[in-house]
Amino acid sequence: MSRREREKRIHELLNQVQQQRLDLSAGRRDWLYGTAHYDRGWQTFLGLRRYLAVGSSALAIWSVRSPNKILRWAKRGFGLWSTWRMLKTALPQR
């Protein structure tokens, strides 16, 4: 293989590597755009983690002091969830 052929082959390989880098960059951009919604939700959840820990502790103490109220609210929540599911299936989808 002559020196000229080697240099030509090296140039072709460098061009191929550059194109692969551009393709990876475009794929990364598309991936980040597609998952941005989930990333924002995850960051919101992580920001609320401290408040959820305090709230669950307060709820645990409150449930020990008045278990009937917790049971009543759980039944209401289940009722609302069931109603939401029924309405969601009954109404036509857009």
Protein backbone atom coordinates (compact mmCIF):
# COMPACT_ATOMS: atom_id res chain seq x y z
CA MET A 1 0.00 0.00 0.00
CA SER A 2 1.51 3.28 -1.04
CA ARG A 3 1.75 6.35 1.09
CA ARG A 4 -0.88 8.13 -1.00
CA GLU A 5 -3.36 5.25 -0.59
CA ARG A 6 -2.72 5.19 3.17
CA GLU A 7 -3.39 8.91 3.47
CA LYS A 8 -6.55 8.54 1.38
CA ARG A 9 -7.75 5.67 3.59
CA ILE A 10 -6.98 7.67 6.76
CA HIS A 11 -8.90 10.62 5.36
CA GLU A 12 -11.90 8.38 4.55
CA LEU A 13 -11.85 6.91 8.05
CA LEU A 14 -11.65 10.36 9.65
CA ASN A 15 -14.63 11.48 7.56
CA GLN A 16 -16.54 8.38 8.63
CA VAL A 17 -15.75 9.04 12.31
CA GLN A 18 -16.86 12.66 11.93
CA GLN A 19 -20.16 11.55 10.37
CA GLN A 20 -20.73 9.04 13.17
CA ARG A 21 -20.14 11.79 15.74
CA LEU A 22 -22.70 14.00 13.99
CA ASP A 23 -25.20 11.13 13.93
CA LEU A 24 -24.66 10.47 17.63
CA SER A 25 -25.12 14.14 18.43
CA ALA A 26 -28.40 14.25 16.48
CA GLY A 27 -29.60 11.07 18.19
CA ARG A 28 -28.75 12.50 21.59
CA ARG A 29 -30.67 15.68 20.84
CA ASP A 30 -33.72 13.70 19.70
CA TRP A 31 -33.53 11.47 22.77
CA LEU A 32 -33.31 14.42 25.16
CA TYR A 33 -36.23 16.13 23.41
CA GLY A 34 -38.34 12.97 23.60
CA THR A 35 -37.67 12.34 27.28
CA ALA A 36 -37.79 15.96 28.51
CA HIS A 37 -41.33 15.54 29.87
CA TYR A 38 -40.32 12.55 31.99
CA ASP A 39 -37.18 14.32 33.19
CA ARG A 40 -39.20 17.32 34.39
CA GLY A 41 -41.63 15.02 36.21
CA TRP A 42 -38.78 13.16 37.89
CA GLN A 43 -37.14 16.40 38.99
CA THR A 44 -40.47 17.59 40.42
CA PHE A 45 -40.85 14.33 42.32
CA LEU A 46 -37.34 14.61 43.73
CA GLY A 47 -38.08 18.18 44.82
CA LEU A 48 -41.22 17.04 46.66
CA ARG A 49 -39.53 14.09 48.37
CA ARG A 50 -38.81 16.00 51.57
CA TYR A 51 -42.43 17.18 51.85
CA LEU A 52 -43.76 13.69 51.16
CA ALA A 53 -41.63 12.29 54.00
CA VAL A 54 -42.94 14.91 56.45
CA GLY A 55 -46.51 14.44 55.23
CA SER A 56 -46.41 10.68 55.53
CA SER A 57 -45.05 10.97 59.07
CA ALA A 58 -47.84 13.36 60.03
CA LEU A 59 -50.39 11.05 58.39
CA ALA A 60 -49.03 8.07 60.35
CA ILE A 61 -49.37 9.92 63.64
CA TRP A 62 -52.84 11.15 62.72
CA SER A 63 -53.96 7.64 61.69
CA VAL A 64 -52.93 6.23 65.07
CA ARG A 65 -54.95 8.90 66.87
CA SER A 66 -58.09 8.58 64.69
CA PRO A 67 -58.16 5.44 62.53
CA ASN A 68 -61.85 5.83 61.59
CA LYS A 69 -61.20 9.12 59.80
CA ILE A 70 -58.43 7.54 57.75
CA LEU A 71 -60.70 4.66 56.78
CA ARG A 72 -63.46 7.10 55.80
CA TRP A 73 -61.08 9.15 53.63
CA ALA A 74 -59.70 5.98 52.04
CA LYS A 75 -63.24 4.92 51.07
CA ARG A 76 -63.91 8.37 49.60
CA GLY A 77 -60.68 8.26 47.64
CA PHE A 78 -61.47 4.82 46.28
CA GLY A 79 -64.95 6.02 45.33
CA LEU A 80 -63.55 9.02 43.47
CA TRP A 81 -61.00 6.84 41.69
CA SER A 82 -63.70 4.36 40.64
CA THR A 83 -65.91 7.20 39.40
CA TRP A 84 -63.01 8.64 37.40
CA ARG A 85 -62.32 5.26 35.79
CA MET A 86 -65.99 4.81 34.89
CA LEU A 87 -66.22 8.28 33.34
CA LYS A 88 -62.97 7.78 31.46
CA THR A 89 -64.24 4.58 29.85
CA ALA A 90 -67.75 5.93 29.21
CA LEU A 91 -66.71 9.19 27.51
CA PRO A 92 -65.46 8.96 23.94
CA GLN A 93 -61.75 9.30 23.36
CA ARG A 94 -60.49 12.24 21.32
